Amino acid sequence: MLKRLVLDVLKPHKPSVVELSLELSRLKGIEAVNVIMNEIDQQVENVKIIVAGTNINFESLKNKLEEMGATIHSVDEVAAGKRIVESVRTPQD
């Protein structure tokens, strides 16, 4: 079961980040969505999307993003299993 995904996404200006986050939050298994603006260009916006839930369906999420004109550049973090393991800093960091 996927519990959290952090995605680097390129999206058009429309739909807005508000509309995008509301649409993603309606998908089955998703309980929370954060959309953070990283960069705005004349044609597109680069955003970080953090999705958390009980059983996220990656294909449904990807399809919804594509339906809204967005493209996943990278999957930057994945949390799966019965619970989320939080990142911790180590001496190597």
N, C-alpha and C. Protein backbone atom coordinates (compact mmCIF):
# COMPACT_ATOMS: atom_id res chain seq x y z
N MET A 1 0.83 -1.19 0.00
CA MET A 1 0.00 0.00 0.00
C MET A 1 0.87 1.25 0.00
N LEU A 2 0.62 2.13 -0.94
CA LEU A 2 1.31 3.40 -0.97
C LEU A 2 0.67 4.37 0.02
N LYS A 3 1.50 4.97 0.86
CA LYS A 3 1.01 5.91 1.88
C LYS A 3 1.34 7.36 1.55
N ARG A 4 2.50 7.58 0.88
CA ARG A 4 2.88 8.95 0.55
C ARG A 4 3.73 8.94 -0.72
N LEU A 5 3.50 9.94 -1.56
CA LEU A 5 4.31 10.16 -2.76
C LEU A 5 4.70 11.62 -2.81
N VAL A 6 5.93 11.89 -3.21
CA VAL A 6 6.39 13.25 -3.47
C VAL A 6 6.79 13.28 -4.93
N LEU A 7 6.11 14.13 -5.70
CA LEU A 7 6.30 14.17 -7.14
C LEU A 7 6.78 15.54 -7.59
N ASP A 8 7.69 15.55 -8.56
CA ASP A 8 8.10 16.78 -9.24
C ASP A 8 7.27 16.82 -10.52
N VAL A 9 6.43 17.85 -10.67
CA VAL A 9 5.44 17.88 -11.75
C VAL A 9 5.53 19.20 -12.53
N LEU A 10 5.39 19.10 -13.84
CA LEU A 10 5.28 20.26 -14.71
C LEU A 10 3.82 20.37 -15.14
N LYS A 11 3.21 21.54 -14.93
CA LYS A 11 1.79 21.72 -15.25
C LYS A 11 1.56 23.03 -15.97
N PRO A 12 0.50 23.11 -16.76
CA PRO A 12 0.14 24.40 -17.37
C PRO A 12 -0.40 25.34 -16.28
N HIS A 13 -0.53 26.63 -16.61
CA HIS A 13 -1.06 27.59 -15.63
C HIS A 13 -2.50 27.25 -15.23
N LYS A 14 -3.25 26.73 -16.17
CA LYS A 14 -4.62 26.31 -15.88
C LYS A 14 -4.72 24.82 -16.08
N PRO A 15 -5.22 24.07 -15.13
CA PRO A 15 -5.91 24.51 -13.92
C PRO A 15 -4.92 25.07 -12.89
N SER A 16 -5.47 25.86 -11.99
CA SER A 16 -4.66 26.46 -10.92
C SER A 16 -4.20 25.37 -9.95
N VAL A 17 -3.25 25.71 -9.10
CA VAL A 17 -2.80 24.75 -8.09
C VAL A 17 -3.93 24.40 -7.13
N VAL A 18 -4.84 25.33 -6.90
CA VAL A 18 -6.00 25.06 -6.04
C VAL A 18 -6.90 24.02 -6.69
N GLU A 19 -7.23 24.24 -7.96
CA GLU A 19 -8.08 23.28 -8.68
C GLU A 19 -7.41 21.91 -8.78
N LEU A 20 -6.12 21.91 -9.06
CA LEU A 20 -5.38 20.65 -9.17
C LEU A 20 -5.40 19.89 -7.85
N SER A 21 -5.12 20.57 -6.76
CA SER A 21 -5.09 19.89 -5.45
C SER A 21 -6.46 19.36 -5.06
N LEU A 22 -7.51 20.10 -5.35
CA LEU A 22 -8.86 19.63 -5.03
C LEU A 22 -9.23 18.38 -5.84
N GLU A 23 -8.88 18.38 -7.12
CA GLU A 23 -9.16 17.21 -7.96
C GLU A 23 -8.40 15.98 -7.47
N LEU A 24 -7.13 16.16 -7.14
CA LEU A 24 -6.34 15.02 -6.65
C LEU A 24 -6.87 14.51 -5.32
N SER A 25 -7.32 15.40 -4.47
CA SER A 25 -7.83 15.00 -3.15
C SER A 25 -9.11 14.18 -3.24
N ARG A 26 -9.79 14.22 -4.38
CA ARG A 26 -11.03 13.46 -4.57
C ARG A 26 -10.76 12.01 -4.99
N LEU A 27 -9.53 11.69 -5.34
CA LEU A 27 -9.22 10.32 -5.76
C LEU A 27 -9.30 9.37 -4.58
N LYS A 28 -9.76 8.17 -4.85
CA LYS A 28 -9.91 7.15 -3.81
C LYS A 28 -8.55 6.84 -3.19
N GLY A 29 -8.52 6.76 -1.86
CA GLY A 29 -7.31 6.42 -1.13
C GLY A 29 -6.43 7.60 -0.75
N ILE A 30 -6.77 8.79 -1.27
CA ILE A 30 -5.97 9.99 -0.97
C ILE A 30 -6.67 10.79 0.11
N GLU A 31 -5.92 11.10 1.18
CA GLU A 31 -6.47 11.84 2.31
C GLU A 31 -5.97 13.28 2.37
N ALA A 32 -4.80 13.56 1.76
CA ALA A 32 -4.24 14.91 1.83
C ALA A 32 -3.37 15.17 0.61
N VAL A 33 -3.38 16.44 0.16
CA VAL A 33 -2.58 16.86 -0.98
C VAL A 33 -1.96 18.21 -0.66
N ASN A 34 -0.65 18.32 -0.83
CA ASN A 34 0.06 19.60 -0.76
C ASN A 34 0.64 19.87 -2.13
N VAL A 35 0.45 21.09 -2.64
CA VAL A 35 1.06 21.50 -3.90
C VAL A 35 1.91 22.73 -3.60
N ILE A 36 3.21 22.63 -3.87
CA ILE A 36 4.15 23.69 -3.57
C ILE A 36 4.73 24.21 -4.89
N MET A 37 4.58 25.50 -5.13
CA MET A 37 5.08 26.12 -6.35
C MET A 37 6.59 26.27 -6.25
N ASN A 38 7.30 25.74 -7.25
CA ASN A 38 8.75 25.88 -7.29
C ASN A 38 9.19 26.95 -8.28
N GLU A 39 8.54 26.98 -9.45
CA GLU A 39 8.96 27.91 -10.49
C GLU A 39 7.80 28.19 -11.43
N ILE A 40 7.70 29.44 -11.87
CA ILE A 40 6.67 29.84 -12.83
C ILE A 40 7.36 30.34 -14.09
N ASP A 41 6.95 29.79 -15.22
CA ASP A 41 7.47 30.21 -16.53
C ASP A 41 6.31 30.85 -17.28
N GLN A 42 6.55 31.33 -18.50
CA GLN A 42 5.48 31.94 -19.28
C GLN A 42 4.39 30.92 -19.62
N GLN A 43 4.76 29.68 -19.87
CA GLN A 43 3.79 28.67 -20.31
C GLN A 43 3.42 27.65 -19.23
N VAL A 44 4.33 27.38 -18.30
CA VAL A 44 4.12 26.28 -17.35
C VAL A 44 4.57 26.65 -15.94
N GLU A 45 4.21 25.77 -15.01
CA GLU A 45 4.62 25.89 -13.62
C GLU A 45 5.25 24.57 -13.19
N ASN A 46 6.33 24.67 -12.43
CA ASN A 46 6.96 23.48 -11.86
C ASN A 46 6.53 23.43 -10.40
N VAL A 47 5.90 22.32 -10.00
CA VAL A 47 5.38 22.19 -8.65
C VAL A 47 5.84 20.87 -8.02
N LYS A 48 5.93 20.89 -6.69
CA LYS A 48 6.14 19.66 -5.93
C LYS A 48 4.78 19.28 -5.37
N ILE A 49 4.37 18.04 -5.61
CA ILE A 49 3.08 17.56 -5.10
C ILE A 49 3.36 16.46 -4.08
N ILE A 50 2.82 16.65 -2.89
CA ILE A 50 2.93 15.64 -1.84
C ILE A 50 1.53 15.09 -1.60
N VAL A 51 1.40 13.79 -1.78
CA VAL A 51 0.11 13.12 -1.64
C VAL A 51 0.23 12.09 -0.52
N ALA A 52 -0.72 12.09 0.41
CA ALA A 52 -0.73 11.12 1.50
C ALA A 52 -2.10 10.46 1.57
N GLY A 53 -2.10 9.22 1.97
CA GLY A 53 -3.38 8.52 2.08
C GLY A 53 -3.22 7.12 2.63
N THR A 54 -4.28 6.35 2.52
CA THR A 54 -4.30 5.00 3.07
C THR A 54 -3.90 3.95 2.05
N ASN A 55 -4.22 4.20 0.79
CA ASN A 55 -3.91 3.24 -0.27
C ASN A 55 -3.95 3.98 -1.60
N ILE A 56 -2.89 4.73 -1.89
CA ILE A 56 -2.83 5.56 -3.09
C ILE A 56 -2.62 4.67 -4.31
N ASN A 57 -3.43 4.89 -5.32
CA ASN A 57 -3.27 4.18 -6.59
C ASN A 57 -2.45 5.08 -7.52
N PHE A 58 -1.18 4.71 -7.74
CA PHE A 58 -0.28 5.55 -8.53
C PHE A 58 -0.81 5.77 -9.94
N GLU A 59 -1.34 4.73 -10.57
CA GLU A 59 -1.84 4.86 -11.95
C GLU A 59 -3.01 5.84 -12.03
N SER A 60 -3.92 5.78 -11.06
CA SER A 60 -5.05 6.72 -11.04
C SER A 60 -4.55 8.15 -10.86
N LEU A 61 -3.57 8.32 -9.98
CA LEU A 61 -2.99 9.64 -9.74
C LEU A 61 -2.31 10.16 -11.00
N LYS A 62 -1.50 9.33 -11.63
CA LYS A 62 -0.81 9.70 -12.86
C LYS A 62 -1.81 10.05 -13.96
N ASN A 63 -2.85 9.23 -14.11
CA ASN A 63 -3.87 9.49 -15.14
C ASN A 63 -4.59 10.80 -14.90
N LYS A 64 -4.92 11.11 -13.65
CA LYS A 64 -5.61 12.37 -13.32
C LYS A 64 -4.71 13.56 -13.64
N LEU A 65 -3.42 13.46 -13.29
CA LEU A 65 -2.49 14.54 -13.60
C LEU A 65 -2.40 14.77 -15.11
N GLU A 66 -2.28 13.69 -15.86
CA GLU A 66 -2.20 13.80 -17.32
C GLU A 66 -3.48 14.36 -17.91
N GLU A 67 -4.62 13.96 -17.35
CA GLU A 67 -5.92 14.48 -17.78
C GLU A 67 -6.00 15.99 -17.60
N MET A 68 -5.28 16.50 -16.59
CA MET A 68 -5.29 17.93 -16.28
C MET A 68 -4.12 18.66 -16.96
N GLY A 69 -3.40 17.96 -17.86
CA GLY A 69 -2.33 18.58 -18.63
C GLY A 69 -0.97 18.58 -17.97
N ALA A 70 -0.83 17.86 -16.86
CA ALA A 70 0.43 17.85 -16.12
C ALA A 70 1.26 16.62 -16.47
N THR A 71 2.57 16.73 -16.24
CA THR A 71 3.50 15.64 -16.50
C THR A 71 4.38 15.42 -15.27
N ILE A 72 4.52 14.17 -14.87
CA ILE A 72 5.41 13.84 -13.75
C ILE A 72 6.84 13.82 -14.29
N HIS A 73 7.70 14.68 -13.72
CA HIS A 73 9.12 14.67 -14.08
C HIS A 73 9.86 13.59 -13.31
N SER A 74 9.55 13.47 -12.02
CA SER A 74 10.21 12.45 -11.21
C SER A 74 9.37 12.13 -9.98
N VAL A 75 9.58 10.92 -9.48
CA VAL A 75 9.01 10.49 -8.21
C VAL A 75 10.15 10.64 -7.21
N ASP A 76 10.05 11.63 -6.32
CA ASP A 76 11.15 11.97 -5.43
C ASP A 76 11.12 11.26 -4.08
N GLU A 77 9.96 10.76 -3.70
CA GLU A 77 9.86 10.01 -2.44
C GLU A 77 8.66 9.09 -2.52
N VAL A 78 8.81 7.90 -1.95
CA VAL A 78 7.71 6.94 -1.87
C VAL A 78 7.71 6.35 -0.47
N ALA A 79 6.53 6.30 0.16
CA ALA A 79 6.36 5.62 1.43
C ALA A 79 5.29 4.55 1.24
N ALA A 80 5.63 3.33 1.57
CA ALA A 80 4.70 2.22 1.40
C ALA A 80 4.71 1.35 2.65
N GLY A 81 3.65 0.59 2.83
CA GLY A 81 3.57 -0.32 3.97
C GLY A 81 2.42 0.04 4.89
N LYS A 82 2.51 -0.42 6.12
CA LYS A 82 1.44 -0.19 7.09
C LYS A 82 1.50 1.20 7.70
N ARG A 83 2.70 1.80 7.71
CA ARG A 83 2.85 3.15 8.26
C ARG A 83 3.96 3.87 7.52
N ILE A 84 4.07 5.17 7.76
CA ILE A 84 5.10 5.99 7.11
C ILE A 84 6.32 6.07 8.02
N VAL A 85 7.49 5.83 7.46
CA VAL A 85 8.74 6.02 8.17
C VAL A 85 9.26 7.40 7.80
N GLU A 86 9.41 8.25 8.80
CA GLU A 86 9.86 9.62 8.54
C GLU A 86 11.37 9.64 8.32
N SER A 87 11.81 10.55 7.48
CA SER A 87 13.24 10.74 7.22
C SER A 87 13.91 11.29 8.47
N VAL A 88 15.15 10.89 8.68
CA VAL A 88 15.94 11.43 9.79
C VAL A 88 17.30 11.85 9.25
N ARG A 89 17.87 12.88 9.84
CA ARG A 89 19.21 13.30 9.44
C ARG A 89 20.23 12.39 10.11
N THR A 90 21.27 12.07 9.37
CA THR A 90 22.35 11.25 9.88
C THR A 90 23.65 12.05 9.80
N PRO A 91 24.72 11.60 10.47
CA PRO A 91 25.98 12.35 10.39
C PRO A 91 26.48 12.52 8.94
N GLN A 92 26.13 11.61 8.05
CA GLN A 92 26.55 11.71 6.66
C GLN A 92 25.84 12.86 5.92
N ASP A 93 24.69 13.30 6.45
CA ASP A 93 23.96 14.39 5.80
C ASP A 93 24.66 15.66 6.11
